[in-house]
């Protein structure tokens, strides 16, 4: 089993920045991909960004150039730096981890609200 705990959500004005962090614990050696999904009210959950164990990243088109995902294997953390935030980035952000045998683990989510 793997446990994930997110932090860093909150209220920010349009154009502002936030940094989300997620700490993993448990059987972390089984984990390949780590990343973030988000779910806005009334919409389906969508991938925001991911990073594999060898550092390959993937971003949703809507966040390319604004968000940066990073991973610290020594600290068992994955972070998402979000810049130039827009109201449409408002959502609950979920940290996730996928094992080498394709099992997914999820955090409980952290709310990001972009509003003036």
C-alpha atoms as a PDB file:
ATOM      1  CA  UNK A   1       0.000   0.000   0.000  1.00  0.00           C
ATOM      2  CA  UNK A   2       0.972   3.597  -0.645  1.00  0.00           C
ATOM      3  CA  UNK A   3      -0.406   6.645   1.156  1.00  0.00           C
ATOM      4  CA  UNK A   4      -0.426  10.153  -0.325  1.00  0.00           C
ATOM      5  CA  UNK A   5      -0.963  13.436   1.503  1.00  0.00           C
ATOM      6  CA  UNK A   6      -1.332  16.711  -0.403  1.00  0.00           C
ATOM      7  CA  UNK A   7      -0.737  20.238   0.812  1.00  0.00           C
ATOM      8  CA  UNK A   8      -0.555  23.736  -0.600  1.00  0.00           C
ATOM      9  CA  UNK A   9      -4.014  24.487  -1.929  1.00  0.00           C
ATOM     10  CA  UNK A  10      -5.851  27.720  -1.252  1.00  0.00           C
ATOM     11  CA  UNK A  11      -7.262  30.913  -2.684  1.00  0.00           C
ATOM     12  CA  UNK A  12      -5.217  32.924  -5.167  1.00  0.00           C
ATOM     13  CA  UNK A  13      -5.962  35.809  -7.485  1.00  0.00           C
ATOM     14  CA  UNK A  14      -5.812  35.386 -11.265  1.00  0.00           C
ATOM     15  CA  UNK A  15      -2.226  35.626 -12.441  1.00  0.00           C
ATOM     16  CA  UNK A  16      -0.906  34.418  -9.116  1.00  0.00           C
ATOM     17  CA  UNK A  17       1.061  31.317  -8.167  1.00  0.00           C
ATOM     18  CA  UNK A  18       0.655  28.327  -5.880  1.00  0.00           C
ATOM     19  CA  UNK A  19       2.795  25.297  -5.156  1.00  0.00           C
ATOM     20  CA  UNK A  20       1.224  21.952  -4.369  1.00  0.00           C
ATOM     21  CA  UNK A  21       3.176  19.209  -2.657  1.00  0.00           C
ATOM     22  CA  UNK A  22       2.444  15.547  -2.050  1.00  0.00           C
ATOM     23  CA  UNK A  23       4.284  13.238   0.308  1.00  0.00           C
ATOM     24  CA  UNK A  24       4.219   9.497  -0.283  1.00  0.00           C
ATOM     25  CA  UNK A  25       4.670   6.803   2.318  1.00  0.00           C
ATOM     26  CA  UNK A  26       4.435   3.040   2.407  1.00  0.00           C
ATOM     27  CA  UNK A  27       5.636   0.779  -0.395  1.00  0.00           C
ATOM     28  CA  UNK A  28       7.156   3.622  -2.377  1.00  0.00           C
ATOM     29  CA  UNK A  29       9.643   1.385  -4.184  1.00  0.00           C
ATOM     30  CA  UNK A  30       6.737   0.020  -6.224  1.00  0.00           C
ATOM     31  CA  UNK A  31       5.960   3.458  -7.672  1.00  0.00           C
ATOM     32  CA  UNK A  32       6.787   4.449 -11.246  1.00  0.00           C
ATOM     33  CA  UNK A  33       4.649   7.448 -12.172  1.00  0.00           C
ATOM     34  CA  UNK A  34       3.602  10.276  -9.876  1.00  0.00           C
ATOM     35  CA  UNK A  35       1.467  13.245 -10.728  1.00  0.00           C
ATOM     36  CA  UNK A  36      -1.609  15.377 -10.369  1.00  0.00           C
ATOM     37  CA  UNK A  37      -5.158  15.225 -11.603  1.00  0.00           C
ATOM     38  CA  UNK A  38      -7.860  17.804 -11.014  1.00  0.00           C
ATOM     39  CA  UNK A  39     -11.622  17.873 -10.945  1.00  0.00           C
ATOM     40  CA  UNK A  40     -13.620  21.039 -11.361  1.00  0.00           C
ATOM     41  CA  UNK A  41     -17.224  21.208 -10.208  1.00  0.00           C
ATOM     42  CA  UNK A  42     -19.488  19.454 -12.663  1.00  0.00           C
ATOM     43  CA  UNK A  43     -16.593  18.145 -14.739  1.00  0.00           C
ATOM     44  CA  UNK A  44     -14.698  14.896 -15.038  1.00  0.00           C
ATOM     45  CA  UNK A  45     -11.343  14.382 -13.381  1.00  0.00           C
ATOM     46  CA  UNK A  46      -8.497  15.150 -15.772  1.00  0.00           C
ATOM     47  CA  UNK A  47      -4.753  14.664 -15.835  1.00  0.00           C
ATOM     48  CA  UNK A  48      -2.789  17.837 -15.126  1.00  0.00           C
ATOM     49  CA  UNK A  49       0.796  16.597 -15.108  1.00  0.00           C
ATOM     50  CA  UNK A  50       2.792  13.458 -14.468  1.00  0.00           C
ATOM     51  CA  UNK A  51       6.413  12.439 -14.068  1.00  0.00           C
ATOM     52  CA  UNK A  52       7.909   8.976 -14.361  1.00  0.00           C
ATOM     53  CA  UNK A  53      10.690   7.430 -12.311  1.00  0.00           C
ATOM     54  CA  UNK A  54      13.188   8.337 -15.045  1.00  0.00           C
ATOM     55  CA  UNK A  55      12.021  11.941 -15.131  1.00  0.00           C
ATOM     56  CA  UNK A  56       9.824  11.961 -18.214  1.00  0.00           C
ATOM     57  CA  UNK A  57       7.064  14.547 -17.845  1.00  0.00           C
ATOM     58  CA  UNK A  58       3.656  14.944 -19.414  1.00  0.00           C
ATOM     59  CA  UNK A  59       1.341  17.951 -19.211  1.00  0.00           C
ATOM     60  CA  UNK A  60      -2.206  18.752 -20.192  1.00  0.00           C
ATOM     61  CA  UNK A  61      -2.258  21.251 -23.052  1.00  0.00           C
ATOM     62  CA  UNK A  62      -4.159  23.706 -20.879  1.00  0.00           C
ATOM     63  CA  UNK A  63      -1.285  24.026 -18.385  1.00  0.00           C
ATOM     64  CA  UNK A  64       1.788  23.769 -20.607  1.00  0.00           C
ATOM     65  CA  UNK A  65       4.134  26.685 -20.030  1.00  0.00           C
ATOM     66  CA  UNK A  66       2.423  27.622 -16.760  1.00  0.00           C
ATOM     67  CA  UNK A  67       2.750  24.548 -14.533  1.00  0.00           C
ATOM     68  CA  UNK A  68       5.888  22.599 -13.680  1.00  0.00           C
ATOM     69  CA  UNK A  69       5.960  19.176 -12.053  1.00  0.00           C
ATOM     70  CA  UNK A  70       8.963  17.977 -10.090  1.00  0.00           C
ATOM     71  CA  UNK A  71       9.872  14.947  -8.083  1.00  0.00           C
ATOM     72  CA  UNK A  72      12.263  14.371  -5.183  1.00  0.00           C
ATOM     73  CA  UNK A  73      12.821  10.660  -4.774  1.00  0.00           C
ATOM     74  CA  UNK A  74      14.962  11.147  -1.666  1.00  0.00           C
ATOM     75  CA  UNK A  75      12.083  12.917   0.090  1.00  0.00           C
ATOM     76  CA  UNK A  76       9.303  10.850  -1.541  1.00  0.00           C
ATOM     77  CA  UNK A  77       7.570  13.960  -2.759  1.00  0.00           C
ATOM     78  CA  UNK A  78       6.036  15.275  -5.956  1.00  0.00           C
ATOM     79  CA  UNK A  79       5.316  18.961  -6.401  1.00  0.00           C
ATOM     80  CA  UNK A  80       3.372  21.096  -8.828  1.00  0.00           C
ATOM     81  CA  UNK A  81       4.390  24.710  -9.299  1.00  0.00           C
ATOM     82  CA  UNK A  82       1.459  26.606 -10.765  1.00  0.00           C
ATOM     83  CA  UNK A  83       2.062  30.037 -12.243  1.00  0.00           C
ATOM     84  CA  UNK A  84      -0.143  32.454 -14.153  1.00  0.00           C
ATOM     85  CA  UNK A  85      -3.214  30.858 -12.627  1.00  0.00           C
ATOM     86  CA  UNK A  86      -6.557  31.351 -14.302  1.00  0.00           C
ATOM     87  CA  UNK A  87     -10.107  31.059 -12.927  1.00  0.00           C
ATOM     88  CA  UNK A  88     -10.530  27.918 -15.021  1.00  0.00           C
ATOM     89  CA  UNK A  89      -7.752  26.280 -12.996  1.00  0.00           C
ATOM     90  CA  UNK A  90     -10.121  26.235 -10.026  1.00  0.00           C
ATOM     91  CA  UNK A  91     -10.584  22.616  -8.995  1.00  0.00           C
ATOM     92  CA  UNK A  92      -9.790  19.991  -6.425  1.00  0.00           C
ATOM     93  CA  UNK A  93      -6.274  18.747  -7.185  1.00  0.00           C
ATOM     94  CA  UNK A  94      -5.477  15.115  -6.475  1.00  0.00           C
ATOM     95  CA  UNK A  95      -2.039  13.654  -6.121  1.00  0.00           C
ATOM     96  CA  UNK A  96      -1.687  10.186  -7.591  1.00  0.00           C
ATOM     97  CA  UNK A  97       0.894   7.483  -7.927  1.00  0.00           C
ATOM     98  CA  UNK A  98       0.982   4.511 -10.263  1.00  0.00           C
ATOM     99  CA  UNK A  99       2.965   1.410  -9.502  1.00  0.00           C
ATOM    100  CA  UNK A 100       5.036  -0.558 -12.008  1.00  0.00           C
ATOM    101  CA  UNK A 101       2.194  -3.098 -12.153  1.00  0.00           C
ATOM    102  CA  UNK A 102      -0.282  -0.292 -12.979  1.00  0.00           C
ATOM    103  CA  UNK A 103      -2.048   0.021  -9.623  1.00  0.00           C
ATOM    104  CA  UNK A 104      -3.181   3.574  -8.847  1.00  0.00           C
ATOM    105  CA  UNK A 105      -3.137   5.317  -5.478  1.00  0.00           C
ATOM    106  CA  UNK A 106      -4.815   8.645  -4.734  1.00  0.00           C
ATOM    107  CA  UNK A 107      -4.626  11.406  -2.183  1.00  0.00           C
ATOM    108  CA  UNK A 108      -7.751  12.995  -0.712  1.00  0.00           C
ATOM    109  CA  UNK A 109      -7.353  16.182  -2.719  1.00  0.00           C
ATOM    110  CA  UNK A 110      -6.655  19.837  -2.058  1.00  0.00           C
ATOM    111  CA  UNK A 111      -8.833  22.715  -3.250  1.00  0.00           C
ATOM    112  CA  UNK A 112      -7.369  25.423  -5.462  1.00  0.00           C
ATOM    113  CA  UNK A 113      -9.556  28.473  -6.020  1.00  0.00           C
ATOM    114  CA  UNK A 114      -8.516  31.167  -8.476  1.00  0.00           C
ATOM    115  CA  UNK A 115     -10.667  34.220  -7.996  1.00  0.00           C
ATOM    116  CA  UNK A 116     -10.447  37.948  -7.502  1.00  0.00           C
END
